[in-house]
C-alpha cells in the first residue's frame, strides 16, 4: 500500500523534534545528575564509612528508581494512548520537576537520620514513574511526527537530547568542581544541579503545552475502547517480548559507558574526579553527534545492520575495552577507549526507539513501547551500576565485563532473527497492523 505524507510532514518537522526533545533533555538531565553527583552526596544520606559502601547505598536507590519505571510505563503509556502524546509529555515533565525539587531540599543523615534517605527514595520513585512514561511518549511522538523515510533520523534525536541532558549535568559538575572547594561540594554544592533541573522542567512544561498532537494519533478513529489496554498489548505479546530481548544488551552497555563510566574512571582507573568527568563529557559530546548520522544511515540500509553491528561489537569488545580502561592513567587514553565503546553503542542507541515504535499499531504503540522497555531497564539497565560495584566490592571486577558481554550476546541472537522494521506502516487500523507480517508501505517520494 502507499502511505503518502501529509503536507505538514513533507519536510523534517523541526518544531516537533524540538518540542519532543527539549523535555526529554530535562527529564534525563535530572535522571543522570543523580548518578553523576552521587560521589558527592553519598555521604550526606548514609553513615560515614567505606566510600564504596556509601556508593552501593546510593546505587541501590538509583536501581529502585528503575523498578518504578514499569509502573510509569504502564500508567503513562496507557495515558499516552488514551489521551494523546502531547498530554503524556506534559505530565511526565511535571513529575520530574517535583522529584528534582525533593532531592534539592532533602535533609541529610546528620540532621534527621535515615529520613533524608527516605525522601531521596521517594524522589527516585517519582523520577522512575516519570521516565517510565517519558521514553515511550517521546519515542512515539518523534516517530509519528516524522516524514516517510526519515523516521530513523528524527527519532535519533531522542538520544541526542538524552545525551545533551547528561552533558549539561556533567558540564555543570565540571564548573562546580573548578569554582567550589571539595568540602563545599560535599556539603551543599551537590544540591545546585537539582535546583537547576526543577526550574528547567517548569520551563519545559510551558513549552510542551504548545505542542501539536501527531496526525497519526488524531486520525486513529478505530479501537477507541482498546487504546492502551493490557488486553490489547497481549495481542502483541511477541512484539513485547522482542522489545525486552533487544533492549537487554543495549541498556546494560549504555549505562555502563555513560552513568557508570565516571565512577569507573575515578574508582578503578585512578583518574581524579575532575579528569574523569571531563573524559565523560568529551566522549558523550562526540557520541551525541553520531546519533543523527547513524539514524539517517538506518533509513537507507535498515535497522537490523546497525543493531547487529552493536551486538557483535559489544559482545567481543567489552572485555578488552574495560580491561584497557582499568589500566589507563592518561586523559587521552581514557577518552579514546571511552569513545570507542560509545561508537559501538551508537548502533543501538540511535535507532532503538524507532524500532520499538515501528513494532506496534497506533492505538497501543505508547504502551507497547513503554511497559516492556521499562521492564528490561528495571532488570538490566537500572541494576548495571549496582552489579558493577558488587563485583568490585567482591574483588572480581572483571566479572562485570563478562556480564555485559553475555547480555549483548543474548540481544545479538534477537537482532539476527528479528524482522526488518524500517518500512513498517504507522497503521491506523488493524488491517494495517505492523505486527502483521507483510504489512509494509511504499515511501512516498
Protein backbone atom coordinates (compact mmCIF):
# COMPACT_ATOMS: atom_id res chain seq x y z
CA UNK A 1 0.00 0.00 0.00
CA UNK A 2 1.08 3.61 -0.41
CA UNK A 3 1.26 5.83 2.62
CA UNK A 4 1.62 9.40 1.41
CA UNK A 5 2.99 12.04 3.69
CA UNK A 6 0.59 14.71 4.95
CA UNK A 7 1.55 18.21 3.81
CA UNK A 8 2.57 19.18 7.35
CA UNK A 9 5.07 16.32 7.38
CA UNK A 10 6.54 16.82 3.91
CA UNK A 11 9.76 18.03 5.48
CA UNK A 12 11.56 17.24 8.70
CA UNK A 13 9.24 18.60 11.46
CA UNK A 14 11.84 20.56 13.40
CA UNK A 15 9.28 22.17 15.68
CA UNK A 16 8.05 18.74 16.73
CA UNK A 17 11.61 17.47 17.11
CA UNK A 18 12.47 20.39 19.38
CA UNK A 19 9.27 20.12 21.40
CA UNK A 20 9.62 16.39 21.92
CA UNK A 21 13.35 16.56 22.63
CA UNK A 22 13.66 19.59 24.91
CA UNK A 23 11.55 17.98 27.60
CA UNK A 24 13.40 14.72 27.14
CA UNK A 25 16.61 16.67 27.74
CA UNK A 26 15.42 17.96 31.11
CA UNK A 27 14.00 14.59 32.09
CA UNK A 28 17.30 12.84 31.50
CA UNK A 29 19.36 15.69 32.91
CA UNK A 30 17.58 15.18 36.23
CA UNK A 31 17.79 11.40 35.92
CA UNK A 32 21.52 11.31 35.25
CA UNK A 33 22.50 14.15 37.58
CA UNK A 34 21.70 11.77 40.40
CA UNK A 35 24.31 9.34 39.10
CA UNK A 36 26.99 11.90 38.23
CA UNK A 37 26.77 13.71 41.60
CA UNK A 38 26.38 10.55 43.70
CA UNK A 39 30.04 10.63 44.72
CA UNK A 40 29.38 13.98 46.42
CA UNK A 41 26.08 13.35 48.21
CA UNK A 42 26.51 9.64 49.07
CA UNK A 43 27.90 10.58 52.48
CA UNK A 44 25.09 13.07 53.16
CA UNK A 45 22.35 10.43 53.47
CA UNK A 46 24.18 7.47 55.00
CA UNK A 47 26.54 6.88 57.96
CA UNK A 48 30.17 7.68 57.30
CA UNK A 49 32.41 4.75 56.49
CA UNK A 50 33.63 2.91 53.41
CA UNK A 51 33.21 5.07 50.27
CA UNK A 52 32.30 2.07 48.11
CA UNK A 53 29.62 1.01 50.64
CA UNK A 54 28.10 4.51 50.51
CA UNK A 55 28.08 4.39 46.72
CA UNK A 56 26.41 0.98 46.90
CA UNK A 57 23.62 2.52 49.00
CA UNK A 58 23.05 5.39 46.56
CA UNK A 59 23.34 3.00 43.61
CA UNK A 60 20.72 0.81 45.26
CA UNK A 61 18.31 3.75 45.42
CA UNK A 62 19.24 4.54 41.81
CA UNK A 63 18.24 0.99 40.88
CA UNK A 64 14.98 1.24 42.85
CA UNK A 65 14.02 4.17 40.63
CA UNK A 66 14.28 1.84 37.66
CA UNK A 67 11.86 -0.61 39.25
CA UNK A 68 9.25 2.16 39.30
CA UNK A 69 9.66 2.58 35.57
CA UNK A 70 7.41 -0.38 34.63
CA UNK A 71 4.64 1.22 36.71
CA UNK A 72 5.24 4.50 34.93
CA UNK A 73 5.40 2.69 31.60
CA UNK A 74 2.03 1.08 32.24
CA UNK A 75 0.22 4.13 33.65
CA UNK A 76 1.71 6.80 31.41
CA UNK A 77 1.89 4.56 28.33
CA UNK A 78 -1.84 3.91 28.71
CA UNK A 79 -2.35 7.64 29.30
CA UNK A 80 -0.45 8.49 26.08
CA UNK A 81 -2.53 6.04 24.04
CA UNK A 82 -5.83 7.24 25.51
CA UNK A 83 -5.26 10.99 25.98
CA UNK A 84 -2.56 11.68 23.42
CA UNK A 85 1.20 12.01 23.16
CA UNK A 86 1.19 15.73 23.99
CA UNK A 87 -0.71 15.25 27.26
CA UNK A 88 1.65 12.48 28.35
CA UNK A 89 4.74 14.55 27.55
CA UNK A 90 3.41 17.40 29.67
CA UNK A 91 2.60 15.15 32.62
CA UNK A 92 5.97 13.40 32.67
CA UNK A 93 7.96 16.61 32.85
CA UNK A 94 5.73 17.85 35.70
CA UNK A 95 6.54 14.76 37.75
CA UNK A 96 10.23 15.15 37.03
CA UNK A 97 10.24 18.76 38.23
CA UNK A 98 8.68 17.70 41.54
CA UNK A 99 11.21 14.90 42.06
CA UNK A 100 14.21 17.16 41.36
CA UNK A 101 12.91 19.70 43.87
CA UNK A 102 12.54 16.99 46.52
CA UNK A 103 16.17 15.93 46.14
CA UNK A 104 17.32 19.56 46.25
CA UNK A 105 15.72 20.13 49.65
CA UNK A 106 16.18 16.66 51.19
CA UNK A 107 17.63 16.76 54.76
CA UNK A 108 20.88 14.93 55.49
CA UNK A 109 21.63 11.96 57.75
CA UNK A 110 23.25 14.23 60.35
CA UNK A 111 20.05 16.29 60.51
CA UNK A 112 17.28 13.67 60.58
CA UNK A 113 18.93 10.26 60.31
CA UNK A 114 17.58 7.93 57.66
CA UNK A 115 14.56 10.16 56.96
CA UNK A 116 16.68 12.05 54.44
CA UNK A 117 17.39 8.80 52.61
CA UNK A 118 13.63 8.11 52.63
CA UNK A 119 13.00 11.47 50.94
CA UNK A 120 15.68 10.59 48.41
CA UNK A 121 13.95 7.27 47.78
CA UNK A 122 10.54 8.91 47.23
CA UNK A 123 12.11 11.36 44.77
CA UNK A 124 13.71 8.50 42.84
CA UNK A 125 10.39 6.65 42.72
CA UNK A 126 8.78 9.75 41.21
CA UNK A 127 11.63 10.01 38.71
CA UNK A 128 11.18 6.37 37.78
CA UNK A 129 7.46 6.88 37.27
CA UNK A 130 8.12 9.90 35.07
CA UNK A 131 10.92 8.45 32.96
CA UNK A 132 8.98 5.21 32.52
CA UNK A 133 6.38 7.17 30.57
CA UNK A 134 8.70 9.76 29.02
CA UNK A 135 10.67 7.30 26.91
CA UNK A 136 7.59 5.90 25.20
CA UNK A 137 5.79 9.23 24.84
CA UNK A 138 8.89 10.78 23.30
CA UNK A 139 9.62 7.78 21.08
CA UNK A 140 6.08 7.58 19.72
CA UNK A 141 5.78 11.35 19.30
CA UNK A 142 9.04 11.69 17.36
CA UNK A 143 8.33 8.60 15.26
CA UNK A 144 4.77 9.61 14.39
CA UNK A 145 5.77 13.20 13.63
CA UNK A 146 8.45 12.07 11.15
CA UNK A 147 8.23 12.28 7.38
CA UNK A 148 8.19 8.96 5.47
CA UNK A 149 11.69 7.60 5.01
CA UNK A 150 13.11 9.79 7.79
CA UNK A 151 11.91 8.14 10.98
CA UNK A 152 15.33 6.83 11.94
CA UNK A 153 16.91 10.27 11.60
CA UNK A 154 14.22 12.13 13.54
CA UNK A 155 13.84 9.57 16.32
CA UNK A 156 17.61 9.57 16.86
CA UNK A 157 17.18 12.99 18.45
CA UNK A 158 15.73 11.22 21.46
CA UNK A 159 19.23 10.08 22.37
CA UNK A 160 20.68 13.39 21.23
CA UNK A 161 18.51 15.07 23.85
CA UNK A 162 19.22 12.39 26.45
CA UNK A 163 22.94 12.79 25.92
CA UNK A 164 22.68 16.57 25.92
CA UNK A 165 20.97 16.32 29.28
CA UNK A 166 23.94 14.33 30.57
CA UNK A 167 26.38 16.80 29.04
CA UNK A 168 24.68 19.72 30.76
CA UNK A 169 24.82 17.82 34.05
CA UNK A 170 28.47 16.91 33.57
CA UNK A 171 29.29 20.41 32.36
CA UNK A 172 27.72 21.88 35.47
CA UNK A 173 29.66 19.39 37.57
CA UNK A 174 32.94 20.45 35.94
CA UNK A 175 32.13 24.12 36.53
CA UNK A 176 31.30 23.48 40.17
CA UNK A 177 34.44 21.40 40.61
CA UNK A 178 36.54 24.34 39.41
CA UNK A 179 34.66 27.07 41.29
CA UNK A 180 33.90 25.38 44.61
CA UNK A 181 36.05 23.55 47.11
CA UNK A 182 35.65 19.81 47.54
CA UNK A 183 34.26 20.33 51.03
CA UNK A 184 31.66 22.80 49.72
CA UNK A 185 30.55 20.35 47.02
CA UNK A 186 30.10 17.58 49.56
CA UNK A 187 28.33 19.92 51.96
CA UNK A 188 25.79 21.79 49.81
CA UNK A 189 27.10 22.25 46.27
CA UNK A 190 25.59 18.98 45.07
CA UNK A 191 22.09 20.49 45.58
CA UNK A 192 22.63 23.13 42.87
CA UNK A 193 22.10 20.86 39.82
CA UNK A 194 18.82 19.58 41.24
CA UNK A 195 17.55 23.12 41.71
CA UNK A 196 18.53 23.86 38.08
CA UNK A 197 16.67 20.73 36.97
CA UNK A 198 13.49 21.68 38.81
CA UNK A 199 13.47 25.15 37.25
CA UNK A 200 14.27 23.78 33.79
CA UNK A 201 11.42 21.28 33.97
CA UNK A 202 8.99 24.08 34.87
CA UNK A 203 10.06 25.98 31.74
CA UNK A 204 9.64 22.89 29.56
CA UNK A 205 6.16 22.34 31.00
CA UNK A 206 5.15 25.67 29.47
CA UNK A 207 6.83 24.87 26.14
CA UNK A 208 5.19 21.47 25.82
CA UNK A 209 1.72 22.90 26.33
CA UNK A 210 2.09 24.49 22.88
CA UNK A 211 2.95 21.25 21.06
CA UNK A 212 0.60 19.92 18.37
CA UNK A 213 -0.67 16.35 18.58
CA UNK A 214 0.66 13.98 15.89
CA UNK A 215 -1.57 13.42 12.85
CA UNK A 216 -1.10 9.65 13.08
CA UNK A 217 -2.70 9.72 16.53
CA UNK A 218 -5.51 12.17 15.76
CA UNK A 219 -6.53 10.21 12.65
CA UNK A 220 -6.88 6.98 14.63
CA UNK A 221 -10.66 6.58 14.81
CA UNK A 222 -10.97 2.85 15.36
CA UNK A 223 -10.28 0.90 18.56
CA UNK A 224 -11.29 3.73 20.90
CA UNK A 225 -12.11 1.29 23.70
CA UNK A 226 -8.91 -0.69 23.13
CA UNK A 227 -6.44 2.18 23.32
CA UNK A 228 -3.60 1.47 25.72
CA UNK A 229 -5.12 -1.61 27.37
CA UNK A 230 -3.16 -4.57 28.68
CA UNK A 231 -5.57 -6.90 26.87
CA UNK A 232 -4.70 -5.24 23.57
CA UNK A 233 -0.99 -5.35 24.36
CA UNK A 234 -1.26 -9.08 24.97
CA UNK A 235 -2.36 -9.44 21.35
CA UNK A 236 1.15 -8.25 20.57
CA UNK A 237 2.99 -10.24 23.23
CA UNK A 238 5.54 -11.48 20.67
CA UNK A 239 6.50 -7.87 19.89
CA UNK A 240 6.53 -7.02 23.60
CA UNK A 241 8.92 -9.91 24.29
CA UNK A 242 11.03 -8.75 21.38
CA UNK A 243 11.34 -5.28 22.92
CA UNK A 244 12.59 -6.78 26.19
CA UNK A 245 15.14 -9.01 24.47
CA UNK A 246 16.53 -6.41 22.08
CA UNK A 247 16.80 -3.88 24.94
CA UNK A 248 18.72 -6.17 27.29
CA UNK A 249 22.21 -5.85 25.82
CA UNK A 250 21.79 -2.25 24.73
CA UNK A 251 20.67 -0.86 28.06
CA UNK A 252 23.44 -2.60 30.02
CA UNK A 253 26.11 -1.33 27.62
CA UNK A 254 24.60 2.18 27.54
CA UNK A 255 24.53 2.64 31.30
CA UNK A 256 27.99 1.11 31.63
CA UNK A 257 29.57 3.68 29.33
CA UNK A 258 27.51 6.69 30.43
CA UNK A 259 26.33 6.84 34.05
CA UNK A 260 28.87 4.35 35.45
CA UNK A 261 31.85 5.48 33.38
CA UNK A 262 32.77 8.50 35.53
CA UNK A 263 32.82 6.39 38.71
CA UNK A 264 34.76 3.63 36.96
CA UNK A 265 37.46 6.01 35.75
CA UNK A 266 37.72 7.51 39.24
CA UNK A 267 37.48 4.40 41.44
CA UNK A 268 39.22 1.83 39.21
CA UNK A 269 41.45 3.63 36.71
CA UNK A 270 42.55 6.12 39.35
CA UNK A 271 41.81 9.33 37.46
CA UNK A 272 40.85 12.36 39.52
CA UNK A 273 37.14 13.11 39.76
CA UNK A 274 37.57 16.22 37.62
CA UNK A 275 39.54 14.38 34.90
CA UNK A 276 37.04 11.51 34.91
CA UNK A 277 34.18 13.99 34.48
CA UNK A 278 35.98 15.74 31.61
CA UNK A 279 36.64 12.42 29.83
CA UNK A 280 32.96 11.54 30.08
CA UNK A 281 31.94 14.99 28.85
CA UNK A 282 34.13 14.88 25.74
CA UNK A 283 33.21 11.28 24.87
CA UNK A 284 29.48 11.93 25.32
CA UNK A 285 29.64 15.09 23.18
CA UNK A 286 31.08 13.15 20.24
CA UNK A 287 28.65 10.31 20.93
CA UNK A 288 25.76 12.79 20.71
CA UNK A 289 26.89 13.98 17.27
CA UNK A 290 26.92 10.41 15.97
CA UNK A 291 23.24 9.72 16.70
CA UNK A 292 21.62 11.56 13.74
CA UNK A 293 24.26 10.18 11.36
CA UNK A 294 23.54 6.61 12.43
CA UNK A 295 19.78 7.22 12.45
CA UNK A 296 19.94 8.57 8.90
CA UNK A 297 22.04 5.58 7.84
CA UNK A 298 19.35 3.24 9.17
CA UNK A 299 16.80 4.96 6.90
CA UNK A 300 18.97 3.91 3.96
CA UNK A 301 20.17 0.42 4.86
CA UNK A 302 17.67 -0.67 7.52
CA UNK A 303 17.65 -1.01 11.29
CA UNK A 304 18.98 -4.57 11.62
CA UNK A 305 22.51 -3.93 10.24
CA UNK A 306 23.15 -1.31 12.92
CA UNK A 307 21.75 -3.48 15.70
CA UNK A 308 23.80 -6.48 14.56
CA UNK A 309 26.95 -4.35 14.44
CA UNK A 310 26.32 -3.23 18.00
CA UNK A 311 25.65 -6.80 19.13
CA UNK A 312 28.90 -8.18 17.77
CA UNK A 313 30.90 -5.14 18.85
CA UNK A 314 29.62 -5.18 22.43
CA UNK A 315 29.91 -8.94 22.80
CA UNK A 316 33.51 -9.06 21.56
CA UNK A 317 34.76 -5.62 22.56
CA UNK A 318 33.58 -5.08 26.13
CA UNK A 319 36.20 -7.18 27.93
CA UNK A 320 39.26 -5.73 26.13
CA UNK A 321 37.94 -2.14 26.32
CA UNK A 322 37.03 -2.28 30.02
CA UNK A 323 40.31 -4.05 30.83
CA UNK A 324 42.29 -1.41 28.98
CA UNK A 325 40.34 1.37 30.71
CA UNK A 326 41.18 -0.08 34.12
CA UNK A 327 44.90 0.34 33.36
CA UNK A 328 44.64 3.77 31.75
CA UNK A 329 46.13 6.66 33.66
CA UNK A 330 46.09 9.35 30.97
CA UNK A 331 43.28 11.62 29.79
CA UNK A 332 43.87 10.84 26.10
CA UNK A 333 43.91 7.09 26.57
CA UNK A 334 40.74 7.13 28.65
CA UNK A 335 38.99 9.35 26.11
CA UNK A 336 39.88 7.21 23.09
CA UNK A 337 38.80 3.99 24.78
CA UNK A 338 35.56 5.53 26.06
CA UNK A 339 34.78 6.89 22.62
CA UNK A 340 35.46 3.50 21.01
CA UNK A 341 32.91 1.92 23.34
CA UNK A 342 30.31 4.62 22.65
CA UNK A 343 30.76 4.27 18.88
CA UNK A 344 29.78 0.63 19.28
CA UNK A 345 26.80 1.52 21.49
CA UNK A 346 25.58 4.01 18.83
CA UNK A 347 24.39 1.07 16.74
CA UNK A 348 21.75 0.52 19.42
CA UNK A 349 21.01 3.97 20.84
CA UNK A 350 20.45 5.78 17.55
CA UNK A 351 17.56 3.57 16.43
CA UNK A 352 16.23 1.53 19.34
CA UNK A 353 13.32 3.92 19.96
CA UNK A 354 12.07 3.90 16.38
CA UNK A 355 12.44 0.12 16.08
CA UNK A 356 10.20 -0.39 19.10
CA UNK A 357 7.63 2.15 17.90
CA UNK A 358 7.52 0.51 14.45
CA UNK A 359 6.58 -2.83 16.00
CA UNK A 360 3.15 -1.71 17.27
CA UNK A 361 -0.07 -0.16 15.86
CA UNK A 362 -1.08 3.36 16.87
CA UNK A 363 -3.73 2.51 19.45
CA UNK A 364 -1.28 0.54 21.64
CA UNK A 365 2.05 1.95 20.46
CA UNK A 366 2.95 4.01 23.56
CA UNK A 367 2.07 1.20 25.98
CA UNK A 368 3.76 -1.36 23.74
CA UNK A 369 6.98 0.61 23.81
CA UNK A 370 6.76 1.77 27.43
CA UNK A 371 5.99 -1.32 29.51
CA UNK A 372 8.35 -3.95 28.04
CA UNK A 373 11.14 -1.40 27.66
CA UNK A 374 10.70 -0.30 31.27
CA UNK A 375 10.76 -3.92 32.44
CA UNK A 376 14.01 -4.53 30.57
CA UNK A 377 15.54 -1.38 32.04
CA UNK A 378 14.46 -2.32 35.55
CA UNK A 379 16.04 -5.75 35.24
CA UNK A 380 19.22 -4.82 33.39
CA UNK A 381 19.79 -1.06 32.98
CA UNK A 382 18.87 0.00 36.49
CA UNK A 383 20.94 -2.72 38.10
CA UNK A 384 24.04 -2.29 35.87
CA UNK A 385 25.83 0.12 38.18
CA UNK A 386 24.91 -1.88 41.28
CA UNK A 387 26.12 -5.13 39.70
CA UNK A 388 29.38 -3.43 38.66
CA UNK A 389 30.01 -2.14 42.19
CA UNK A 390 29.04 -5.53 43.64
CA UNK A 391 31.69 -7.24 41.50
CA UNK A 392 34.21 -4.58 42.52
CA UNK A 393 33.46 -4.94 46.22
CA UNK A 394 33.81 -8.71 45.87
CA UNK A 395 37.27 -8.35 44.35
CA UNK A 396 36.23 -9.72 40.94
CA UNK A 397 35.59 -6.59 38.95
CA UNK A 398 36.41 -8.26 35.63
CA UNK A 399 33.37 -10.47 36.12
CA UNK A 400 31.22 -7.46 35.27
CA UNK A 401 32.90 -7.16 31.86
CA UNK A 402 31.80 -10.68 31.01
CA UNK A 403 28.32 -9.94 32.31
CA UNK A 404 27.96 -7.04 29.83
CA UNK A 405 29.26 -9.26 27.02
CA UNK A 406 26.78 -12.01 27.87
CA UNK A 407 23.84 -9.59 27.82
CA UNK A 408 24.97 -8.33 24.40
CA UNK A 409 25.19 -11.91 23.13
CA UNK A 410 21.56 -12.58 24.08
CA UNK A 411 20.38 -9.46 22.26
CA UNK A 412 22.54 -10.31 19.25
CA UNK A 413 20.57 -13.52 18.75
CA UNK A 414 17.41 -11.40 18.60
CA UNK A 415 18.93 -8.93 16.13
CA UNK A 416 19.94 -11.78 13.83
CA UNK A 417 16.47 -13.34 13.82
CA UNK A 418 14.09 -10.35 14.01
CA UNK A 419 12.32 -8.84 11.00
CA UNK A 420 13.31 -5.53 9.48
CA UNK A 421 11.03 -2.68 10.63
CA UNK A 422 12.21 0.26 8.50
CA UNK A 423 9.27 0.04 6.07
CA UNK A 424 6.58 -0.87 8.60
CA UNK A 425 3.45 1.25 8.23
CA UNK A 426 2.43 3.51 11.08
CA UNK A 427 -1.01 1.92 10.88
CA UNK A 428 -4.35 3.47 11.78
CA UNK A 429 -6.43 0.31 11.62
CA UNK A 430 -5.99 -3.37 12.36
CA UNK A 431 -5.71 -4.22 8.68
CA UNK A 432 -2.51 -2.20 8.57
CA UNK A 433 -1.18 -3.55 11.87
CA UNK A 434 2.63 -3.51 11.68
CA UNK A 435 2.64 -6.63 13.82
CA UNK A 436 1.13 -8.50 10.90
CA UNK A 437 3.73 -9.96 8.51
CA UNK A 438 3.93 -8.40 5.08
CA UNK A 439 2.30 -5.11 6.07
CA UNK A 440 4.70 -2.58 4.64
CA UNK A 441 4.35 0.74 2.96
CA UNK A 442 5.95 2.32 -0.04
CA UNK A 443 7.73 5.50 0.88
CA UNK A 444 6.30 8.46 -0.97
CA UNK A 445 8.79 10.45 -3.00
